[in-house]
Amino acid sequence: MATVVPVLPTKGAKRFRDGCAKHWQLQPNPAERKLGIRKETYCRQGPAEARRATIRADVHRGTYLADDKTTVGEWSEKYLTDAAGRVRPSSLANILNSVTNWIVPGLGAVPMTAVRPDHVRDWARAMQTGTAPARPGKKRKKLSPRSAQIRVSTLHAMFELWRMDCRPLPLGNPVPRGVVKVPPKVRRDPLTVTQVRAWRDAAFDDMRAMMDVEAYYGARASEMLGLREEDLTWTGRNMSAPLAPQLARLAELPADKYAARRVRLQFREQLGQRRFNGNRSVRVPTKNSRAVRPVPVPQWLARVLAGHLQRWPVQDGWLFTNPRIGKGYSAPQPWNANIYYRWLRRAAVAAGVPLAKGQCSHALRHHCVSVLRDKGFSSQAIGEWIGDTALTVETTYGRPMPDSMDRIGAALDDARQHIDTRHGLRAV
C-alpha cells in the first residue's frame, strides 16, 4: 500500500517555490509501481491521504486505469511466449494462427487498457462477414461462428494473462460472454456394431487390427498409432524374442491359463505430428495425464494382433506400420495420421457408413462409449477405460444407441403387461 511522507526543502531553502514550508508526497510500493502508479506531491496532508485511499480502493476493485500504452500487438508477443511453455505444439500453432492472422490485424494497434466490448463485437462481426483486416498479402475469408468463437476466446485469454500480471483494466476483461452466437451442434447417433463391422471389413487388411484396438479401447487414433512393441506386456514375456510368435502361443492357451498371464496393453504416449517434429515419427506426451493407462487384452484381440504381426512384422519397434511403401522408402514406415484418415474415409464410403462432419476414426471412440453406456457402466468407469474424465463422457460422448428408444419402450410395455396380469386385468 502507498505511504504518505512529509518532504522538506533541500539545499538550505526554507520554503518550496510555491511558498509551502512542507510538502506531502504519495509514494507507491513496488506492486503499485508495476501498475503504473507514480509519486504524487501535495501541499497538504489531507488531499494526499484522500488520493491514497482512492488508489487503494480502485486497485482493490480492479478499476484503476494505469498509464500503460502497451498495445494488443505488443502484448501478443508476451502471450505467445507464455503459451509456448504450457501447450502442445499443435495447440500452439492454432493460437499463433489466431493471434497473427486475426487479432493483431484487427486490434493490434489499440492499447490494452483502451479496448472496449464494442470494439470486440465489431471485430467479431467483421470476422464472420469477411470484412476483418488481413495481413499484407493474405486474402481475407469469412469465418464460421465456431471458428470466430475460437479467436475471441484467444483474445479473452490474452486479457486474463494481462490481469494475472497485475496490470489493471478499467472495467475488467473487455471480451463479453456470448459475443459470437454459435448454433447448437447437431450430434449424430453413434455407429452400431453392424456398421463398425462393415466399416472394418471394407478397410485394408493391415488396418483391421488397428480399428479393433480403437473400437475396443475407445482410444484416440494418435494413441493407437503411437503404440510400440514394449507396450504389450504379460507375465513371462521374453522381451528379446519376436513378439508375433509369443502372442500366437498366448492366443492358443486355455482361457484360465491365459487369464493368469495378465496380458496388458500400456497406453503411455501418442504419435506426434510430423510437421512439428522435423518430419520424423516420434512419440510425444498424451493429450492429458488420464490417457496414460494400462488396459487388459482379451484373448480374441491377442489372436488378432498375432495374425496381424505375422503378416506385417514390427518395424523399428512400432507396432503398426504402413505396408504401402512410399517413394524413397525401402521398408514399411510408421503411419502418418492424415494418410490413415484418408484410407478410413474411403472405407467408410465403400461400406456406406455415415460419418459426422469433420469426424473419422473418432467415431470409433464415440461408439465404444455408447456401447459401454448401453451396458450400464458408470461415467467414471468409462472415463477410466478411455482415458478421460467422467464429465467429458457425460457431455461429449455416450449418446444412446439408435435402437435404445425402441428397447426402452419394449421394457415399459413388458412392465405394464406384468402389472395388468398381476391385477387380473386384460392387456389392451
Protein backbone atom coordinates (compact mmCIF):
# COMPACT_ATOMS: atom_id res chain seq x y z
CA MET A 1 0.00 0.00 0.00
CA ALA A 2 1.23 3.51 -0.80
CA THR A 3 2.53 5.69 2.02
CA VAL A 4 2.31 9.46 2.60
CA VAL A 5 5.51 11.02 3.92
CA PRO A 6 6.49 14.66 4.64
CA VAL A 7 9.13 16.23 2.39
CA LEU A 8 11.22 19.28 3.36
CA PRO A 9 13.03 21.72 1.03
CA THR A 10 16.64 20.88 0.17
CA LYS A 11 19.81 22.89 -0.30
CA GLY A 12 19.13 25.03 2.76
CA ALA A 13 15.91 26.55 1.43
CA LYS A 14 13.16 27.31 3.93
CA ARG A 15 10.28 27.04 1.50
CA PHE A 16 9.44 25.43 -1.84
CA ARG A 17 8.89 27.59 -4.89
CA ASP A 18 5.13 27.51 -4.35
CA GLY A 19 5.63 29.03 -0.87
CA CYS A 20 4.94 25.85 1.13
CA ALA A 21 7.27 25.06 4.02
CA LYS A 22 6.43 21.33 3.77
CA HIS A 23 5.07 19.00 1.09
CA TRP A 24 3.31 15.67 1.46
CA GLN A 25 4.42 13.02 -1.02
CA LEU A 26 2.46 9.89 -2.01
CA GLN A 27 4.97 7.06 -2.52
CA PRO A 28 3.67 3.78 -4.06
CA ASN A 29 5.05 0.39 -3.10
CA PRO A 30 6.72 -1.89 -5.74
CA ALA A 31 3.47 -3.69 -6.65
CA GLU A 32 1.69 -0.38 -7.21
CA ARG A 33 4.58 0.97 -9.28
CA LYS A 34 4.16 -2.07 -11.52
CA LEU A 35 0.57 -0.93 -12.10
CA GLY A 36 1.82 2.42 -13.36
CA ILE A 37 1.26 4.42 -10.16
CA ARG A 38 3.85 7.16 -9.72
CA LYS A 39 4.85 9.57 -6.96
CA GLU A 40 2.48 12.49 -6.36
CA THR A 41 3.17 15.59 -4.24
CA TYR A 42 0.61 17.70 -2.37
CA CYS A 43 0.81 20.87 -0.28
CA ARG A 44 -1.43 19.43 2.44
CA GLN A 45 -1.66 16.05 4.08
CA GLY A 46 -5.44 15.69 3.69
CA PRO A 47 -5.56 15.58 -0.13
CA ALA A 48 -2.57 13.20 -0.17
CA GLU A 49 -4.33 10.80 2.22
CA ALA A 50 -7.56 11.04 0.18
CA ARG A 51 -5.70 10.25 -3.03
CA ARG A 52 -4.00 7.32 -1.30
CA ALA A 53 -7.39 5.92 -0.21
CA THR A 54 -8.85 6.34 -3.73
CA ILE A 55 -5.96 4.49 -5.35
CA ARG A 56 -6.19 1.71 -2.79
CA ALA A 57 -9.94 1.27 -3.43
CA ASP A 58 -9.54 1.32 -7.24
CA VAL A 59 -6.73 -1.22 -7.14
CA HIS A 60 -8.76 -3.46 -4.84
CA ARG A 61 -11.75 -3.35 -7.21
CA GLY A 62 -9.56 -3.75 -10.27
CA THR A 63 -10.75 -0.47 -11.79
CA TYR A 64 -7.52 1.51 -11.56
CA LEU A 65 -6.55 2.72 -15.02
CA ALA A 66 -2.79 2.68 -15.31
CA ASP A 67 -0.88 4.90 -17.67
CA ASP A 68 0.13 1.89 -19.74
CA LYS A 69 0.35 2.30 -23.52
CA THR A 70 1.11 -1.35 -24.33
CA THR A 71 -0.86 -2.29 -27.43
CA VAL A 72 -2.63 -5.56 -28.17
CA GLY A 73 0.01 -6.37 -30.77
CA GLU A 74 2.89 -5.80 -28.32
CA TRP A 75 1.21 -7.85 -25.60
CA SER A 76 0.53 -10.69 -28.04
CA GLU A 77 4.27 -11.40 -28.17
CA LYS A 78 4.38 -12.00 -24.42
CA TYR A 79 1.21 -14.07 -24.64
CA LEU A 80 2.73 -16.33 -27.30
CA THR A 81 5.92 -16.70 -25.26
CA ASP A 82 3.85 -17.73 -22.24
CA ALA A 83 1.76 -20.18 -24.32
CA ALA A 84 4.85 -21.83 -25.80
CA GLY A 85 5.81 -23.18 -22.39
CA ARG A 86 2.46 -24.70 -21.43
CA VAL A 87 0.62 -26.03 -24.51
CA ARG A 88 1.26 -28.72 -27.08
CA PRO A 89 2.80 -27.81 -30.45
CA SER A 90 -0.47 -28.36 -32.31
CA SER A 91 -2.37 -26.11 -29.89
CA LEU A 92 0.39 -23.51 -30.13
CA ALA A 93 0.03 -23.50 -33.93
CA ASN A 94 -3.70 -22.75 -33.58
CA ILE A 95 -3.01 -19.95 -31.08
CA LEU A 96 -0.34 -18.49 -33.36
CA ASN A 97 -2.79 -18.50 -36.28
CA SER A 98 -5.46 -16.72 -34.20
CA VAL A 99 -3.04 -14.06 -32.96
CA THR A 100 -1.05 -13.29 -36.10
CA ASN A 101 -3.81 -13.63 -38.71
CA TRP A 102 -6.84 -12.24 -36.85
CA ILE A 103 -6.18 -10.49 -33.53
CA VAL A 104 -3.14 -8.40 -34.48
CA PRO A 105 -4.52 -7.18 -37.86
CA GLY A 106 -7.86 -6.27 -36.27
CA LEU A 107 -6.95 -4.88 -32.83
CA GLY A 108 -3.15 -4.82 -32.74
CA ALA A 109 -2.77 -1.01 -32.68
CA VAL A 110 -5.23 -0.45 -29.80
CA PRO A 111 -3.77 -0.13 -26.25
CA MET A 112 -4.78 -2.98 -23.97
CA THR A 113 -6.40 -0.58 -21.49
CA ALA A 114 -8.41 1.11 -24.26
CA VAL A 115 -10.15 -1.96 -25.71
CA ARG A 116 -13.89 -1.88 -25.07
CA PRO A 117 -16.63 -4.51 -25.56
CA ASP A 118 -17.92 -2.64 -28.62
CA HIS A 119 -14.51 -2.99 -30.26
CA VAL A 120 -14.62 -6.73 -29.70
CA ARG A 121 -18.18 -7.06 -31.02
CA ASP A 122 -17.34 -5.12 -34.20
CA TRP A 123 -14.21 -7.21 -34.72
CA ALA A 124 -16.09 -10.50 -34.20
CA ARG A 125 -18.81 -9.39 -36.63
CA ALA A 126 -16.18 -8.45 -39.22
CA MET A 127 -14.60 -11.91 -38.99
CA GLN A 128 -17.94 -13.56 -39.78
CA THR A 129 -18.75 -11.20 -42.67
CA GLY A 130 -15.30 -11.31 -44.28
CA THR A 131 -14.54 -7.60 -43.68
CA ALA A 132 -11.89 -8.03 -40.96
CA PRO A 133 -8.43 -6.54 -41.76
CA ALA A 134 -5.96 -9.05 -43.18
CA ARG A 135 -2.20 -9.37 -43.05
CA PRO A 136 -0.34 -7.99 -46.09
CA GLY A 137 -0.50 -10.49 -48.92
CA LYS A 138 -3.22 -12.56 -47.26
CA LYS A 139 -6.71 -12.99 -48.69
CA ARG A 140 -9.43 -12.43 -46.15
CA LYS A 141 -12.19 -15.02 -45.85
CA LYS A 142 -15.32 -15.46 -43.78
CA LEU A 143 -15.14 -17.49 -40.60
CA SER A 144 -17.81 -19.79 -39.29
CA PRO A 145 -19.30 -18.90 -35.90
CA ARG A 146 -17.32 -21.70 -34.26
CA SER A 147 -14.02 -20.50 -35.78
CA ALA A 148 -14.76 -16.90 -34.80
CA GLN A 149 -15.53 -18.03 -31.25
CA ILE A 150 -12.08 -19.66 -31.03
CA ARG A 151 -10.40 -16.34 -31.99
CA VAL A 152 -12.50 -14.45 -29.45
CA SER A 153 -11.56 -16.99 -26.75
CA THR A 154 -7.88 -16.45 -27.53
CA LEU A 155 -8.35 -12.69 -27.11
CA HIS A 156 -10.12 -13.30 -23.80
CA ALA A 157 -7.15 -15.40 -22.63
CA MET A 158 -4.77 -12.56 -23.56
CA PHE A 159 -6.62 -10.17 -21.27
CA GLU A 160 -6.70 -12.76 -18.48
CA LEU A 161 -2.91 -13.03 -18.70
CA TRP A 162 -2.77 -9.22 -18.51
CA ARG A 163 -4.74 -9.30 -15.26
CA MET A 164 -2.64 -12.16 -13.86
CA ASP A 165 0.40 -9.96 -14.50
CA CYS A 166 -1.15 -7.47 -12.01
CA ARG A 167 -1.98 -4.96 -14.71
CA PRO A 168 -5.34 -3.22 -14.26
CA LEU A 169 -8.18 -2.87 -16.73
CA PRO A 170 -10.70 -0.03 -16.41
CA LEU A 171 -13.77 -2.29 -16.48
CA GLY A 172 -12.31 -5.75 -16.23
CA ASN A 173 -11.92 -8.13 -19.15
CA PRO A 174 -13.44 -6.32 -22.17
CA VAL A 175 -14.28 -9.53 -24.05
CA PRO A 176 -18.00 -10.10 -23.33
CA ARG A 177 -19.54 -13.52 -22.99
CA GLY A 178 -21.62 -14.75 -25.89
CA VAL A 179 -20.17 -12.21 -28.32
CA VAL A 180 -20.40 -14.89 -31.03
CA LYS A 181 -23.62 -16.84 -31.34
CA VAL A 182 -22.71 -20.43 -32.15
CA PRO A 183 -25.57 -22.65 -33.38
CA PRO A 184 -26.06 -25.83 -31.37
CA LYS A 185 -24.03 -28.75 -32.62
CA VAL A 186 -26.01 -31.44 -34.39
CA ARG A 187 -24.88 -34.75 -32.93
CA ARG A 188 -25.25 -37.93 -34.95
CA ASP A 189 -26.28 -41.22 -33.46
CA PRO A 190 -23.26 -43.44 -32.69
CA LEU A 191 -22.32 -46.20 -35.07
CA THR A 192 -23.92 -49.54 -34.41
CA VAL A 193 -21.95 -52.76 -34.04
CA THR A 194 -23.09 -53.81 -37.52
CA GLN A 195 -21.85 -50.55 -39.06
CA VAL A 196 -18.47 -50.81 -37.33
CA ARG A 197 -18.04 -54.37 -38.61
CA ALA A 198 -18.97 -53.32 -42.15
CA TRP A 199 -16.53 -50.41 -41.95
CA ARG A 200 -13.78 -52.74 -40.71
CA ASP A 201 -14.42 -55.28 -43.47
CA ALA A 202 -14.22 -52.54 -46.14
CA ALA A 203 -10.81 -51.33 -44.89
CA PHE A 204 -7.43 -52.72 -45.96
CA ASP A 205 -6.39 -55.96 -44.26
CA ASP A 206 -3.49 -54.27 -42.46
CA MET A 207 -5.83 -51.65 -40.94
CA ARG A 208 -8.37 -54.01 -39.38
CA ALA A 209 -6.36 -54.81 -36.25
CA MET A 210 -5.82 -51.08 -35.75
CA MET A 211 -9.55 -50.42 -35.95
CA ASP A 212 -10.18 -53.25 -33.48
CA VAL A 213 -7.86 -51.59 -30.96
CA GLU A 214 -9.54 -48.21 -31.43
CA ALA A 215 -13.08 -49.55 -31.18
CA TYR A 216 -12.41 -51.85 -28.22
CA TYR A 217 -10.49 -49.37 -26.05
CA GLY A 218 -12.06 -46.15 -27.31
CA ALA A 219 -8.52 -44.96 -27.92
CA ARG A 220 -7.64 -41.86 -29.89
CA ALA A 221 -6.01 -42.55 -33.24
CA SER A 222 -2.78 -40.87 -32.12
CA GLU A 223 -2.62 -43.18 -29.07
CA MET A 224 -3.14 -46.28 -31.21
CA LEU A 225 -0.65 -45.18 -33.90
CA GLY A 226 1.93 -44.45 -31.19
CA LEU A 227 1.94 -47.99 -29.76
CA ARG A 228 5.29 -49.75 -29.66
CA GLU A 229 6.41 -53.33 -29.13
CA GLU A 230 7.26 -52.79 -25.46
CA ASP A 231 3.72 -51.57 -24.73
CA LEU A 232 2.41 -55.16 -24.82
CA THR A 233 3.30 -56.89 -21.55
CA TRP A 234 2.37 -60.09 -19.73
CA THR A 235 3.76 -62.42 -17.12
CA GLY A 236 6.65 -64.40 -18.55
CA ARG A 237 7.17 -62.42 -21.72
CA ASN A 238 10.61 -62.66 -23.30
CA MET A 239 11.39 -59.07 -24.31
CA SER A 240 14.30 -60.16 -26.53
CA ALA A 241 12.26 -62.61 -28.64
CA PRO A 242 9.96 -61.69 -31.57
CA LEU A 243 6.52 -60.58 -30.46
CA ALA A 244 4.27 -62.30 -33.02
CA PRO A 245 5.11 -65.95 -32.14
CA GLN A 246 4.71 -65.26 -28.44
CA LEU A 247 1.30 -63.69 -29.00
CA ALA A 248 0.26 -66.64 -31.17
CA ARG A 249 1.15 -69.07 -28.36
CA LEU A 250 -0.76 -66.94 -25.85
CA ALA A 251 -3.85 -66.95 -28.06
CA GLU A 252 -3.90 -70.77 -28.09
CA LEU A 253 -3.78 -71.17 -24.30
CA PRO A 254 -6.86 -72.29 -22.34
CA ALA A 255 -8.90 -69.36 -21.05
CA ASP A 256 -7.88 -69.84 -17.40
CA LYS A 257 -4.17 -70.02 -18.22
CA TYR A 258 -4.44 -67.01 -20.49
CA ALA A 259 -6.08 -65.01 -17.69
CA ALA A 260 -3.21 -65.96 -15.36
CA ARG A 261 -0.69 -64.36 -17.74
CA ARG A 262 -2.34 -60.93 -17.23
CA VAL A 263 -1.83 -59.60 -20.75
CA ARG A 264 -1.85 -55.80 -20.71
CA LEU A 265 -1.59 -53.02 -23.29
CA GLN A 266 0.06 -49.86 -21.97
CA PHE A 267 -1.02 -46.52 -23.42
CA ARG A 268 1.97 -44.36 -22.46
CA GLU A 269 2.44 -41.79 -25.23
CA GLN A 270 0.97 -40.87 -28.60
CA LEU A 271 2.31 -40.37 -32.10
CA GLY A 272 3.32 -36.74 -32.63
CA GLN A 273 2.56 -34.77 -35.77
CA ARG A 274 5.49 -34.91 -38.16
CA ARG A 275 5.33 -31.24 -39.09
CA PHE A 276 6.19 -30.34 -35.51
CA ASN A 277 9.00 -32.91 -35.19
CA GLY A 278 11.25 -32.41 -38.19
CA ASN A 279 9.13 -34.68 -40.42
CA ARG A 280 10.02 -37.64 -38.18
CA SER A 281 7.80 -40.17 -36.44
CA VAL A 282 8.28 -39.67 -32.71
CA ARG A 283 6.18 -40.22 -29.63
CA VAL A 284 5.04 -37.26 -27.56
CA PRO A 285 3.06 -36.96 -24.28
CA THR A 286 -0.61 -37.85 -24.44
CA LYS A 287 -3.37 -35.25 -24.61
CA ASN A 288 -3.80 -35.45 -20.84
CA SER A 289 -2.41 -37.48 -17.96
CA ARG A 290 -5.56 -39.65 -17.75
CA ALA A 291 -4.80 -41.12 -21.17
CA VAL A 292 -1.77 -42.92 -19.67
CA ARG A 293 -3.34 -46.20 -18.61
CA PRO A 294 -2.85 -49.99 -18.69
CA VAL A 295 -5.77 -51.97 -20.14
CA PRO A 296 -6.38 -55.73 -20.34
CA VAL A 297 -6.09 -57.52 -23.69
CA PRO A 298 -8.81 -60.14 -24.33
CA GLN A 299 -7.79 -63.41 -25.92
CA TRP A 300 -9.60 -62.70 -29.19
CA LEU A 301 -7.68 -59.42 -29.58
CA ALA A 302 -4.40 -61.18 -28.81
CA ARG A 303 -5.24 -63.61 -31.64
CA VAL A 304 -5.99 -60.70 -33.99
CA LEU A 305 -2.75 -58.92 -33.10
CA ALA A 306 -0.75 -62.13 -33.53
CA GLY A 307 -2.13 -62.66 -37.03
CA HIS A 308 -1.51 -59.02 -37.90
CA LEU A 309 2.13 -59.04 -36.71
CA GLN A 310 2.86 -62.31 -38.50
CA ARG A 311 1.91 -60.68 -41.81
CA TRP A 312 3.23 -57.18 -41.05
CA PRO A 313 6.06 -57.52 -38.51
CA VAL A 314 7.18 -54.82 -36.11
CA GLN A 315 9.42 -52.19 -37.75
CA ASP A 316 11.89 -50.22 -35.58
CA GLY A 317 9.76 -51.02 -32.53
CA TRP A 318 6.50 -49.61 -33.97
CA LEU A 319 3.56 -51.96 -33.51
CA PHE A 320 1.61 -50.71 -36.55
CA THR A 321 3.29 -49.65 -39.80
CA ASN A 322 2.08 -48.71 -43.26
CA PRO A 323 2.98 -51.51 -45.71
CA ARG A 324 2.23 -49.31 -48.74
CA ILE A 325 5.81 -48.11 -49.07
CA GLY A 326 6.10 -44.56 -50.32
CA LYS A 327 8.64 -43.13 -52.70
CA GLY A 328 12.14 -43.13 -51.24
CA TYR A 329 11.44 -45.82 -48.60
CA SER A 330 12.71 -49.40 -48.65
CA ALA A 331 10.70 -50.71 -45.68
CA PRO A 332 7.27 -50.01 -44.13
CA GLN A 333 7.14 -46.79 -42.11
CA PRO A 334 5.05 -45.66 -39.13
CA TRP A 335 1.64 -44.39 -40.15
CA ASN A 336 1.04 -40.75 -40.90
CA ALA A 337 -2.27 -39.81 -39.26
CA ASN A 338 -3.55 -37.97 -42.34
CA ILE A 339 -2.90 -40.99 -44.57
CA TYR A 340 -4.63 -43.26 -42.06
CA TYR A 341 -7.69 -40.99 -42.00
CA ARG A 342 -7.76 -40.84 -45.80
CA TRP A 343 -8.00 -44.61 -46.16
CA LEU A 344 -10.53 -44.85 -43.34
CA ARG A 345 -12.85 -42.36 -45.04
CA ARG A 346 -12.62 -44.28 -48.31
CA ALA A 347 -13.52 -47.48 -46.46
CA ALA A 348 -16.48 -45.75 -44.78
CA VAL A 349 -17.78 -44.57 -48.15
CA ALA A 350 -17.35 -48.05 -49.60
CA ALA A 351 -19.24 -49.59 -46.66
CA GLY A 352 -21.98 -46.94 -46.70
CA VAL A 353 -21.21 -45.90 -43.13
CA PRO A 354 -22.18 -42.24 -42.44
CA LEU A 355 -19.56 -40.23 -40.54
CA ALA A 356 -20.21 -36.93 -38.79
CA LYS A 357 -18.75 -33.83 -40.44
CA GLY A 358 -15.09 -33.44 -39.51
CA GLN A 359 -15.01 -36.85 -37.81
CA CYS A 360 -13.23 -40.01 -38.87
CA SER A 361 -11.68 -42.62 -36.57
CA HIS A 362 -13.02 -40.66 -33.57
CA ALA A 363 -16.39 -42.20 -34.42
CA LEU A 364 -14.97 -45.47 -33.02
CA ARG A 365 -14.31 -43.73 -29.68
CA HIS A 366 -17.91 -42.49 -29.58
CA HIS A 367 -19.10 -45.98 -30.49
CA CYS A 368 -17.11 -47.55 -27.64
CA VAL A 369 -18.53 -45.15 -25.04
CA SER A 370 -22.09 -45.57 -26.30
CA VAL A 371 -21.82 -49.36 -26.10
CA LEU A 372 -20.49 -49.18 -22.54
CA ARG A 373 -23.22 -46.72 -21.50
CA ASP A 374 -25.79 -49.04 -23.07
CA LYS A 375 -24.44 -51.86 -20.91
CA GLY A 376 -24.96 -49.81 -17.75
CA PHE A 377 -21.38 -48.80 -16.86
CA SER A 378 -20.94 -45.56 -14.94
CA SER A 379 -19.39 -42.45 -16.49
CA GLN A 380 -16.50 -42.70 -14.03
CA ALA A 381 -15.69 -46.28 -15.07
CA ILE A 382 -15.98 -45.45 -18.77
CA GLY A 383 -13.71 -42.43 -18.30
CA GLU A 384 -11.05 -44.64 -16.72
CA TRP A 385 -11.33 -47.07 -19.65
CA ILE A 386 -10.96 -44.49 -22.44
CA GLY A 387 -8.60 -42.19 -20.54
CA ASP A 388 -10.89 -39.20 -19.99
CA THR A 389 -12.99 -37.53 -17.29
CA ALA A 390 -16.48 -38.58 -16.26
CA LEU A 391 -17.72 -35.09 -17.14
CA THR A 392 -16.42 -35.39 -20.70
CA VAL A 393 -18.07 -38.79 -21.04
CA GLU A 394 -21.41 -37.30 -19.97
CA THR A 395 -21.28 -34.13 -22.06
CA THR A 396 -19.40 -35.19 -25.21
CA TYR A 397 -19.62 -38.96 -25.63
CA GLY A 398 -22.12 -41.69 -24.99
CA ARG A 399 -25.23 -40.80 -26.98
CA PRO A 400 -27.86 -43.55 -26.84
CA MET A 401 -27.63 -46.28 -29.45
CA PRO A 402 -30.10 -45.87 -32.34
CA ASP A 403 -32.37 -48.69 -31.12
CA SER A 404 -32.33 -47.66 -27.46
CA MET A 405 -35.71 -45.88 -27.62
CA ASP A 406 -37.38 -48.99 -29.05
CA ARG A 407 -35.86 -51.16 -26.34
CA ILE A 408 -36.94 -48.72 -23.61
CA GLY A 409 -40.46 -48.73 -24.98
CA ALA A 410 -40.49 -52.53 -25.11
CA ALA A 411 -39.30 -52.71 -21.49
CA LEU A 412 -42.08 -50.38 -20.37
CA ASP A 413 -44.65 -52.39 -22.31
CA ASP A 414 -43.46 -55.60 -20.62
CA ALA A 415 -43.70 -53.95 -17.21
CA ARG A 416 -47.25 -52.73 -17.90
CA GLN A 417 -48.40 -56.15 -19.08
CA HIS A 418 -46.86 -57.75 -15.99
CA ILE A 419 -48.72 -55.34 -13.71
CA ASP A 420 -52.01 -55.88 -15.58
CA THR A 421 -51.63 -59.65 -15.33
CA ARG A 422 -50.87 -59.47 -11.61
CA HIS A 423 -54.07 -57.45 -11.01
CA GLY A 424 -56.19 -59.70 -13.16
CA LEU A 425 -56.64 -57.13 -15.93
CA ARG A 426 -56.70 -57.94 -19.60
CA ALA A 427 -53.93 -56.30 -21.62
CA VAL A 428 -55.24 -53.84 -24.15
